[in-house]
Amino acid sequence: MAQSNEGVDMFLFFDEWSRCIGSKYQKDRLYRYGKFEGCSNQWKDIRIAMNAKIGKTPAEAEALLQTTYYRKTVGSDLSNSPTAGVIWELKEKPGW
């Protein structure tokens, strides 16, 4: 039986999904774009994270996690942010 992979943070993907389906986020999307977001990308991320968590080596799990919507769009890399360079300037070295 496969061991669970402790390197996969399931809470991150559940947090992103719950943020997406939340009323404040959906109200903001309706105001800005005139439609609700289906949050299917975040749900797919949960499925990918579950697959990475169960039965994968840490290297395979990390490769799977790199394919998630979260890692491709924002993740921990601020240069992927849709507001970087538009609303705020991206610093070479953060000041914090």
PDB file of N, CA and C in Angstrom:
ATOM      1  N   MET A   1       0.838  -1.177   0.000  1.00  0.00           N
ATOM      2  CA  MET A   1       0.000   0.000   0.000  1.00  0.00           C
ATOM      3  C   MET A   1       0.886   1.244   0.000  1.00  0.00           C
ATOM      4  N   ALA A   2       0.480   2.215  -0.766  1.00  0.00           N
ATOM      5  CA  ALA A   2       1.269   3.435  -0.892  1.00  0.00           C
ATOM      6  C   ALA A   2       1.171   4.286   0.370  1.00  0.00           C
ATOM      7  N   GLN A   3       2.268   4.926   0.710  1.00  0.00           N
ATOM      8  CA  GLN A   3       2.295   5.825   1.855  1.00  0.00           C
ATOM      9  C   GLN A   3       1.859   7.214   1.412  1.00  0.00           C
ATOM     10  N   SER A   4       1.216   7.943   2.313  1.00  0.00           N
ATOM     11  CA  SER A   4       0.818   9.307   1.967  1.00  0.00           C
ATOM     12  C   SER A   4       2.061  10.185   1.854  1.00  0.00           C
ATOM     13  N   ASN A   5       2.004  11.140   0.981  1.00  0.00           N
ATOM     14  CA  ASN A   5       3.131  12.034   0.739  1.00  0.00           C
ATOM     15  C   ASN A   5       2.965  13.275   1.607  1.00  0.00           C
ATOM     16  N   GLU A   6       3.836  13.434   2.583  1.00  0.00           N
ATOM     17  CA  GLU A   6       3.726  14.547   3.523  1.00  0.00           C
ATOM     18  C   GLU A   6       4.102  15.887   2.896  1.00  0.00           C
ATOM     19  N   GLY A   7       4.759  15.887   1.761  1.00  0.00           N
ATOM     20  CA  GLY A   7       5.175  17.127   1.113  1.00  0.00           C
ATOM     21  C   GLY A   7       4.062  17.844   0.380  1.00  0.00           C
ATOM     22  N   VAL A   8       2.908  17.209   0.231  1.00  0.00           N
ATOM     23  CA  VAL A   8       1.788  17.812  -0.492  1.00  0.00           C
ATOM     24  C   VAL A   8       0.876  18.510   0.513  1.00  0.00           C
ATOM     25  N   ASP A   9       0.694  19.810   0.342  1.00  0.00           N
ATOM     26  CA  ASP A   9      -0.139  20.611   1.247  1.00  0.00           C
ATOM     27  C   ASP A   9      -1.563  20.687   0.700  1.00  0.00           C
ATOM     28  N   MET A  10      -2.424  19.790   1.168  1.00  0.00           N
ATOM     29  CA  MET A  10      -3.809  19.748   0.698  1.00  0.00           C
ATOM     30  C   MET A  10      -4.577  20.998   1.120  1.00  0.00           C
ATOM     31  N   PHE A  11      -4.236  21.561   2.278  1.00  0.00           N
ATOM     32  CA  PHE A  11      -4.958  22.735   2.767  1.00  0.00           C
ATOM     33  C   PHE A  11      -4.832  23.911   1.804  1.00  0.00           C
ATOM     34  N   LEU A  12      -3.698  24.051   1.156  1.00  0.00           N
ATOM     35  CA  LEU A  12      -3.502  25.137   0.204  1.00  0.00           C
ATOM     36  C   LEU A  12      -4.543  25.071  -0.903  1.00  0.00           C
ATOM     37  N   PHE A  13      -4.752  23.886  -1.453  1.00  0.00           N
ATOM     38  CA  PHE A  13      -5.677  23.747  -2.567  1.00  0.00           C
ATOM     39  C   PHE A  13      -7.129  23.834  -2.116  1.00  0.00           C
ATOM     40  N   PHE A  14      -7.440  23.337  -0.921  1.00  0.00           N
ATOM     41  CA  PHE A  14      -8.791  23.514  -0.379  1.00  0.00           C
ATOM     42  C   PHE A  14      -9.055  24.988  -0.069  1.00  0.00           C
ATOM     43  N   ASP A  15      -8.057  25.695   0.431  1.00  0.00           N
ATOM     44  CA  ASP A  15      -8.214  27.128   0.701  1.00  0.00           C
ATOM     45  C   ASP A  15      -8.490  27.899  -0.585  1.00  0.00           C
ATOM     46  N   GLU A  16      -7.746  27.587  -1.634  1.00  0.00           N
ATOM     47  CA  GLU A  16      -7.959  28.264  -2.914  1.00  0.00           C
ATOM     48  C   GLU A  16      -9.355  27.981  -3.468  1.00  0.00           C
ATOM     49  N   TRP A  17      -9.797  26.741  -3.351  1.00  0.00           N
ATOM     50  CA  TRP A  17     -11.128  26.383  -3.835  1.00  0.00           C
ATOM     51  C   TRP A  17     -12.214  27.069  -3.002  1.00  0.00           C
ATOM     52  N   SER A  18     -12.058  27.065  -1.672  1.00  0.00           N
ATOM     53  CA  SER A  18     -13.072  27.696  -0.821  1.00  0.00           C
ATOM     54  C   SER A  18     -13.076  29.212  -1.011  1.00  0.00           C
ATOM     55  N   ARG A  19     -11.922  29.806  -1.284  1.00  0.00           N
ATOM     56  CA  ARG A  19     -11.877  31.236  -1.593  1.00  0.00           C
ATOM     57  C   ARG A  19     -12.645  31.503  -2.873  1.00  0.00           C
ATOM     58  N   CYS A  20     -12.480  30.652  -3.854  1.00  0.00           N
ATOM     59  CA  CYS A  20     -13.127  30.842  -5.147  1.00  0.00           C
ATOM     60  C   CYS A  20     -14.646  30.722  -5.049  1.00  0.00           C
ATOM     61  N   ILE A  21     -15.130  29.768  -4.276  1.00  0.00           N
ATOM     62  CA  ILE A  21     -16.584  29.582  -4.200  1.00  0.00           C
ATOM     63  C   ILE A  21     -17.237  30.511  -3.181  1.00  0.00           C
ATOM     64  N   GLY A  22     -16.431  31.273  -2.458  1.00  0.00           N
ATOM     65  CA  GLY A  22     -16.962  32.179  -1.446  1.00  0.00           C
ATOM     66  C   GLY A  22     -17.782  33.310  -2.044  1.00  0.00           C
ATOM     67  N   SER A  23     -18.739  33.793  -1.279  1.00  0.00           N
ATOM     68  CA  SER A  23     -19.657  34.814  -1.782  1.00  0.00           C
ATOM     69  C   SER A  23     -18.955  36.137  -2.098  1.00  0.00           C
ATOM     70  N   LYS A  24     -17.964  36.522  -1.305  1.00  0.00           N
ATOM     71  CA  LYS A  24     -17.261  37.788  -1.567  1.00  0.00           C
ATOM     72  C   LYS A  24     -16.525  37.741  -2.906  1.00  0.00           C
ATOM     73  N   TYR A  25     -15.815  36.647  -3.155  1.00  0.00           N
ATOM     74  CA  TYR A  25     -15.087  36.513  -4.421  1.00  0.00           C
ATOM     75  C   TYR A  25     -16.056  36.457  -5.594  1.00  0.00           C
ATOM     76  N   GLN A  26     -17.137  35.701  -5.455  1.00  0.00           N
ATOM     77  CA  GLN A  26     -18.095  35.581  -6.554  1.00  0.00           C
ATOM     78  C   GLN A  26     -18.799  36.916  -6.816  1.00  0.00           C
ATOM     79  N   LYS A  27     -19.094  37.662  -5.765  1.00  0.00           N
ATOM     80  CA  LYS A  27     -19.705  38.980  -5.939  1.00  0.00           C
ATOM     81  C   LYS A  27     -18.748  39.916  -6.676  1.00  0.00           C
ATOM     82  N   ASP A  28     -17.470  39.849  -6.326  1.00  0.00           N
ATOM     83  CA  ASP A  28     -16.457  40.658  -6.997  1.00  0.00           C
ATOM     84  C   ASP A  28     -16.346  40.293  -8.473  1.00  0.00           C
ATOM     85  N   ARG A  29     -16.356  38.991  -8.774  1.00  0.00           N
ATOM     86  CA  ARG A  29     -16.295  38.536 -10.169  1.00  0.00           C
ATOM     87  C   ARG A  29     -17.516  38.995 -10.966  1.00  0.00           C
ATOM     88  N   LEU A  30     -18.677  38.937 -10.339  1.00  0.00           N
ATOM     89  CA  LEU A  30     -19.900  39.378 -11.000  1.00  0.00           C
ATOM     90  C   LEU A  30     -19.848  40.871 -11.283  1.00  0.00           C
ATOM     91  N   TYR A  31     -19.355  41.646 -10.346  1.00  0.00           N
ATOM     92  CA  TYR A  31     -19.241  43.090 -10.521  1.00  0.00           C
ATOM     93  C   TYR A  31     -18.229  43.440 -11.620  1.00  0.00           C
ATOM     94  N   ARG A  32     -17.068  42.795 -11.588  1.00  0.00           N
ATOM     95  CA  ARG A  32     -16.000  43.139 -12.538  1.00  0.00           C
ATOM     96  C   ARG A  32     -16.233  42.601 -13.945  1.00  0.00           C
ATOM     97  N   TYR A  33     -16.690  41.349 -14.038  1.00  0.00           N
ATOM     98  CA  TYR A  33     -16.751  40.698 -15.347  1.00  0.00           C
ATOM     99  C   TYR A  33     -18.160  40.352 -15.807  1.00  0.00           C
ATOM    100  N   GLY A  34     -19.152  40.551 -14.941  1.00  0.00           N
ATOM    101  CA  GLY A  34     -20.530  40.292 -15.322  1.00  0.00           C
ATOM    102  C   GLY A  34     -20.947  38.835 -15.289  1.00  0.00           C
ATOM    103  N   LYS A  35     -20.120  37.982 -14.694  1.00  0.00           N
ATOM    104  CA  LYS A  35     -20.471  36.568 -14.588  1.00  0.00           C
ATOM    105  C   LYS A  35     -19.734  35.939 -13.407  1.00  0.00           C
ATOM    106  N   PHE A  36     -20.278  34.838 -12.935  1.00  0.00           N
ATOM    107  CA  PHE A  36     -19.652  34.098 -11.852  1.00  0.00           C
ATOM    108  C   PHE A  36     -18.527  33.223 -12.393  1.00  0.00           C
ATOM    109  N   GLU A  37     -17.607  32.836 -11.513  1.00  0.00           N
ATOM    110  CA  GLU A  37     -16.555  31.895 -11.893  1.00  0.00           C
ATOM    111  C   GLU A  37     -16.958  30.500 -11.445  1.00  0.00           C
ATOM    112  N   GLY A  38     -16.772  29.530 -12.307  1.00  0.00           N
ATOM    113  CA  GLY A  38     -17.159  28.160 -12.000  1.00  0.00           C
ATOM    114  C   GLY A  38     -16.219  27.440 -11.055  1.00  0.00           C
ATOM    115  N   CYS A  39     -15.017  27.934 -10.869  1.00  0.00           N
ATOM    116  CA  CYS A  39     -14.008  27.371  -9.962  1.00  0.00           C
ATOM    117  C   CYS A  39     -13.588  25.954 -10.365  1.00  0.00           C
ATOM    118  N   SER A  40     -13.750  25.602 -11.630  1.00  0.00           N
ATOM    119  CA  SER A  40     -13.365  24.263 -12.071  1.00  0.00           C
ATOM    120  C   SER A  40     -11.847  24.070 -12.037  1.00  0.00           C
ATOM    121  N   ASN A  41     -11.089  25.135 -12.275  1.00  0.00           N
ATOM    122  CA  ASN A  41      -9.623  25.009 -12.206  1.00  0.00           C
ATOM    123  C   ASN A  41      -9.168  24.669 -10.790  1.00  0.00           C
ATOM    124  N   GLN A  42      -9.788  25.297  -9.802  1.00  0.00           N
ATOM    125  CA  GLN A  42      -9.424  25.021  -8.412  1.00  0.00           C
ATOM    126  C   GLN A  42      -9.847  23.608  -8.013  1.00  0.00           C
ATOM    127  N   TRP A  43     -10.985  23.148  -8.520  1.00  0.00           N
ATOM    128  CA  TRP A  43     -11.424  21.787  -8.213  1.00  0.00           C
ATOM    129  C   TRP A  43     -10.474  20.764  -8.847  1.00  0.00           C
ATOM    130  N   LYS A  44     -10.026  21.051 -10.073  1.00  0.00           N
ATOM    131  CA  LYS A  44      -9.053  20.169 -10.728  1.00  0.00           C
ATOM    132  C   LYS A  44      -7.746  20.126  -9.935  1.00  0.00           C
ATOM    133  N   ASP A  45      -7.363  21.279  -9.351  1.00  0.00           N
ATOM    134  CA  ASP A  45      -6.164  21.318  -8.523  1.00  0.00           C
ATOM    135  C   ASP A  45      -6.287  20.395  -7.313  1.00  0.00           C
ATOM    136  N   ILE A  46      -7.473  20.340  -6.713  1.00  0.00           N
ATOM    137  CA  ILE A  46      -7.688  19.442  -5.578  1.00  0.00           C
ATOM    138  C   ILE A  46      -7.516  17.996  -6.026  1.00  0.00           C
ATOM    139  N   ARG A  47      -8.051  17.661  -7.184  1.00  0.00           N
ATOM    140  CA  ARG A  47      -7.908  16.292  -7.699  1.00  0.00           C
ATOM    141  C   ARG A  47      -6.445  15.953  -7.971  1.00  0.00           C
ATOM    142  N   ILE A  48      -5.711  16.900  -8.558  1.00  0.00           N
ATOM    143  CA  ILE A  48      -4.284  16.679  -8.826  1.00  0.00           C
ATOM    144  C   ILE A  48      -3.523  16.505  -7.514  1.00  0.00           C
ATOM    145  N   ALA A  49      -3.833  17.342  -6.524  1.00  0.00           N
ATOM    146  CA  ALA A  49      -3.155  17.251  -5.225  1.00  0.00           C
ATOM    147  C   ALA A  49      -3.456  15.923  -4.537  1.00  0.00           C
ATOM    148  N   MET A  50      -4.694  15.445  -4.666  1.00  0.00           N
ATOM    149  CA  MET A  50      -5.026  14.143  -4.080  1.00  0.00           C
ATOM    150  C   MET A  50      -4.241  13.028  -4.759  1.00  0.00           C
ATOM    151  N   ASN A  51      -4.130  13.102  -6.067  1.00  0.00           N
ATOM    152  CA  ASN A  51      -3.326  12.103  -6.787  1.00  0.00           C
ATOM    153  C   ASN A  51      -1.866  12.173  -6.378  1.00  0.00           C
ATOM    154  N   ALA A  52      -1.355  13.383  -6.170  1.00  0.00           N
ATOM    155  CA  ALA A  52       0.037  13.546  -5.751  1.00  0.00           C
ATOM    156  C   ALA A  52       0.240  13.056  -4.326  1.00  0.00           C
ATOM    157  N   LYS A  53      -0.767  13.234  -3.490  1.00  0.00           N
ATOM    158  CA  LYS A  53      -0.662  12.850  -2.076  1.00  0.00           C
ATOM    159  C   LYS A  53      -0.667  11.336  -1.898  1.00  0.00           C
ATOM    160  N   ILE A  54      -1.431  10.646  -2.726  1.00  0.00           N
ATOM    161  CA  ILE A  54      -1.607   9.206  -2.553  1.00  0.00           C
ATOM    162  C   ILE A  54      -0.801   8.449  -3.602  1.00  0.00           C
ATOM    163  N   GLY A  55       0.149   7.720  -3.180  1.00  0.00           N
ATOM    164  CA  GLY A  55       0.826   6.770  -4.040  1.00  0.00           C
ATOM    165  C   GLY A  55       1.880   7.297  -4.980  1.00  0.00           C
ATOM    166  N   LYS A  56       2.419   8.464  -4.737  1.00  0.00           N
ATOM    167  CA  LYS A  56       3.478   8.994  -5.589  1.00  0.00           C
ATOM    168  C   LYS A  56       4.730   9.225  -4.763  1.00  0.00           C
ATOM    169  N   THR A  57       5.870   9.098  -5.418  1.00  0.00           N
ATOM    170  CA  THR A  57       7.117   9.464  -4.755  1.00  0.00           C
ATOM    171  C   THR A  57       7.156  10.987  -4.635  1.00  0.00           C
ATOM    172  N   PRO A  58       7.979  11.530  -3.757  1.00  0.00           N
ATOM    173  CA  PRO A  58       8.042  12.991  -3.645  1.00  0.00           C
ATOM    174  C   PRO A  58       8.388  13.687  -4.971  1.00  0.00           C
ATOM    175  N   ALA A  59       9.243  13.100  -5.765  1.00  0.00           N
ATOM    176  CA  ALA A  59       9.592  13.718  -7.055  1.00  0.00           C
ATOM    177  C   ALA A  59       8.407  13.703  -8.007  1.00  0.00           C
ATOM    178  N   GLU A  60       7.680  12.580  -8.062  1.00  0.00           N
ATOM    179  CA  GLU A  60       6.494  12.504  -8.920  1.00  0.00           C
ATOM    180  C   GLU A  60       5.410  13.446  -8.427  1.00  0.00           C
ATOM    181  N   ALA A  61       5.272  13.544  -7.106  1.00  0.00           N
ATOM    182  CA  ALA A  61       4.270  14.438  -6.531  1.00  0.00           C
ATOM    183  C   ALA A  61       4.576  15.890  -6.895  1.00  0.00           C
ATOM    184  N   GLU A  62       5.835  16.286  -6.803  1.00  0.00           N
ATOM    185  CA  GLU A  62       6.215  17.657  -7.144  1.00  0.00           C
ATOM    186  C   GLU A  62       5.982  17.937  -8.623  1.00  0.00           C
ATOM    187  N   ALA A  63       6.272  16.965  -9.478  1.00  0.00           N
ATOM    188  CA  ALA A  63       6.013  17.130 -10.910  1.00  0.00           C
ATOM    189  C   ALA A  63       4.527  17.307 -11.173  1.00  0.00           C
ATOM    190  N   LEU A  64       3.691  16.561 -10.473  1.00  0.00           N
ATOM    191  CA  LEU A  64       2.241  16.723 -10.616  1.00  0.00           C
ATOM    192  C   LEU A  64       1.790  18.093 -10.128  1.00  0.00           C
ATOM    193  N   LEU A  65       2.323  18.527  -8.997  1.00  0.00           N
ATOM    194  CA  LEU A  65       1.923  19.818  -8.445  1.00  0.00           C
ATOM    195  C   LEU A  65       2.324  20.982  -9.343  1.00  0.00           C
ATOM    196  N   GLN A  66       3.380  20.824 -10.108  1.00  0.00           N
ATOM    197  CA  GLN A  66       3.791  21.882 -11.039  1.00  0.00           C
ATOM    198  C   GLN A  66       2.771  22.087 -12.163  1.00  0.00           C
ATOM    199  N   THR A  67       1.894  21.108 -12.368  1.00  0.00           N
ATOM    200  CA  THR A  67       0.882  21.225 -13.430  1.00  0.00           C
ATOM    201  C   THR A  67      -0.403  21.881 -12.944  1.00  0.00           C
ATOM    202  N   THR A  68      -0.487  22.232 -11.666  1.00  0.00           N
ATOM    203  CA  THR A  68      -1.729  22.802 -11.144  1.00  0.00           C
ATOM    204  C   THR A  68      -1.924  24.237 -11.620  1.00  0.00           C
ATOM    205  N   TYR A  69      -3.166  24.635 -11.660  1.00  0.00           N
ATOM    206  CA  TYR A  69      -3.535  26.007 -12.035  1.00  0.00           C
ATOM    207  C   TYR A  69      -2.912  27.004 -11.061  1.00  0.00           C
ATOM    208  N   TYR A  70      -2.912  26.659  -9.783  1.00  0.00           N
ATOM    209  CA  TYR A  70      -2.352  27.549  -8.762  1.00  0.00           C
ATOM    210  C   TYR A  70      -0.873  27.841  -9.022  1.00  0.00           C
ATOM    211  N   ARG A  71      -0.097  26.796  -9.282  1.00  0.00           N
ATOM    212  CA  ARG A  71       1.346  26.995  -9.516  1.00  0.00           C
ATOM    213  C   ARG A  71       1.609  27.725 -10.829  1.00  0.00           C
ATOM    214  N   LYS A  72       0.755  27.509 -11.826  1.00  0.00           N
ATOM    215  CA  LYS A  72       0.966  28.156 -13.124  1.00  0.00           C
ATOM    216  C   LYS A  72       0.566  29.627 -13.111  1.00  0.00           C
ATOM    217  N   THR A  73      -0.416  29.991 -12.301  1.00  0.00           N
ATOM    218  CA  THR A  73      -0.893  31.372 -12.335  1.00  0.00           C
ATOM    219  C   THR A  73      -0.230  32.255 -11.291  1.00  0.00           C
ATOM    220  N   VAL A  74      -0.333  31.910 -10.017  1.00  0.00           N
ATOM    221  CA  VAL A  74       0.290  32.749  -8.998  1.00  0.00           C
ATOM    222  C   VAL A  74       1.270  31.935  -8.178  1.00  0.00           C
ATOM    223  N   GLY A  75       0.750  31.017  -7.383  1.00  0.00           N
ATOM    224  CA  GLY A  75       1.630  30.210  -6.543  1.00  0.00           C
ATOM    225  C   GLY A  75       2.488  31.080  -5.658  1.00  0.00           C
ATOM    226  N   SER A  76       3.716  30.707  -5.483  1.00  0.00           N
ATOM    227  CA  SER A  76       4.609  31.497  -4.647  1.00  0.00           C
ATOM    228  C   SER A  76       5.485  32.431  -5.477  1.00  0.00           C
ATOM    229  N   ASP A  77       5.323  32.410  -6.794  1.00  0.00           N
ATOM    230  CA  ASP A  77       6.117  33.272  -7.672  1.00  0.00           C
ATOM    231  C   ASP A  77       5.325  34.534  -7.984  1.00  0.00           C
ATOM    232  N   LEU A  78       5.712  35.644  -7.373  1.00  0.00           N
ATOM    233  CA  LEU A  78       4.973  36.889  -7.548  1.00  0.00           C
ATOM    234  C   LEU A  78       5.020  37.418  -8.968  1.00  0.00           C
ATOM    235  N   SER A  79       5.994  37.009  -9.770  1.00  0.00           N
ATOM    236  CA  SER A  79       6.048  37.490 -11.152  1.00  0.00           C
ATOM    237  C   SER A  79       4.913  36.916 -11.990  1.00  0.00           C
ATOM    238  N   ASN A  80       4.243  35.865 -11.508  1.00  0.00           N
ATOM    239  CA  ASN A  80       3.086  35.311 -12.205  1.00  0.00           C
ATOM    240  C   ASN A  80       1.795  36.043 -11.885  1.00  0.00           C
ATOM    241  N   SER A  81       1.834  36.961 -10.947  1.00  0.00           N
ATOM    242  CA  SER A  81       0.632  37.676 -10.531  1.00  0.00           C
ATOM    243  C   SER A  81       0.089  38.519 -11.684  1.00  0.00           C
ATOM    244  N   PRO A  82      -1.233  38.512 -11.885  1.00  0.00           N
ATOM    245  CA  PRO A  82      -1.812  39.321 -12.964  1.00  0.00           C
ATOM    246  C   PRO A  82      -1.706  40.819 -12.707  1.00  0.00           C
ATOM    247  N   THR A  83      -1.418  41.233 -11.471  1.00  0.00           N
ATOM    248  CA  THR A  83      -1.306  42.657 -11.176  1.00  0.00           C
ATOM    249  C   THR A  83       0.140  43.140 -11.129  1.00  0.00           C
ATOM    250  N   ALA A  84       1.108  42.232 -11.248  1.00  0.00           N
ATOM    251  CA  ALA A  84       2.515  42.633 -11.224  1.00  0.00           C
ATOM    252  C   ALA A  84       2.839  43.457 -12.459  1.00  0.00           C
ATOM    253  N   GLY A  85       3.363  44.644 -12.253  1.00  0.00           N
ATOM    254  CA  GLY A  85       3.720  45.513 -13.360  1.00  0.00           C
ATOM    255  C   GLY A  85       2.557  46.334 -13.878  1.00  0.00           C
ATOM    256  N   VAL A  86       1.336  46.021 -13.465  1.00  0.00           N
ATOM    257  CA  VAL A  86       0.167  46.783 -13.899  1.00  0.00           C
ATOM    258  C   VAL A  86      -0.285  47.698 -12.767  1.00  0.00           C
ATOM    259  N   ILE A  87      -0.531  47.108 -11.610  1.00  0.00           N
ATOM    260  CA  ILE A  87      -0.977  47.875 -10.459  1.00  0.00           C
ATOM    261  C   ILE A  87       0.203  48.228  -9.566  1.00  0.00           C
ATOM    262  N   TRP A  88       1.153  47.349  -9.442  1.00  0.00           N
ATOM    263  CA  TRP A  88       2.314  47.583  -8.597  1.00  0.00           C
ATOM    264  C   TRP A  88       3.559  47.102  -9.326  1.00  0.00           C
ATOM    265  N   GLU A  89       4.679  47.712  -8.990  1.00  0.00           N
ATOM    266  CA  GLU A  89       5.952  47.358  -9.593  1.00  0.00           C
ATOM    267  C   GLU A  89       6.567  46.169  -8.839  1.00  0.00           C
ATOM    268  N   LEU A  90       7.019  45.198  -9.573  1.00  0.00           N
ATOM    269  CA  LEU A  90       7.649  44.034  -8.978  1.00  0.00           C
ATOM    270  C   LEU A  90       9.097  44.375  -8.631  1.00  0.00           C
ATOM    271  N   LYS A  91       9.450  44.211  -7.351  1.00  0.00           N
ATOM    272  CA  LYS A  91      10.808  44.516  -6.900  1.00  0.00           C
ATOM    273  C   LYS A  91      11.736  43.352  -7.174  1.00  0.00           C
ATOM    274  N   GLU A  92      12.995  43.659  -7.409  1.00  0.00           N
ATOM    275  CA  GLU A  92      14.004  42.610  -7.577  1.00  0.00           C
ATOM    276  C   GLU A  92      14.189  41.867  -6.271  1.00  0.00           C
ATOM    277  N   LYS A  93      14.289  42.614  -5.174  1.00  0.00           N
ATOM    278  CA  LYS A  93      14.451  42.025  -3.856  1.00  0.00           C
ATOM    279  C   LYS A  93      13.369  42.613  -2.940  1.00  0.00           C
ATOM    280  N   PRO A  94      12.468  41.775  -2.429  1.00  0.00           N
ATOM    281  CA  PRO A  94      11.425  42.310  -1.550  1.00  0.00           C
ATOM    282  C   PRO A  94      12.011  42.988  -0.319  1.00  0.00           C
ATOM    283  N   GLY A  95      11.302  43.982   0.191  1.00  0.00           N
ATOM    284  CA  GLY A  95      11.784  44.752   1.331  1.00  0.00           C
ATOM    285  C   GLY A  95      11.430  44.166   2.682  1.00  0.00           C
ATOM    286  N   TRP A  96      10.694  43.082   2.709  1.00  0.00           N
ATOM    287  CA  TRP A  96      10.309  42.543   4.015  1.00  0.00           C
ATOM    288  C   TRP A  96      11.257  41.526   4.521  1.00  0.00           C
TER     289      TRP A  96
END
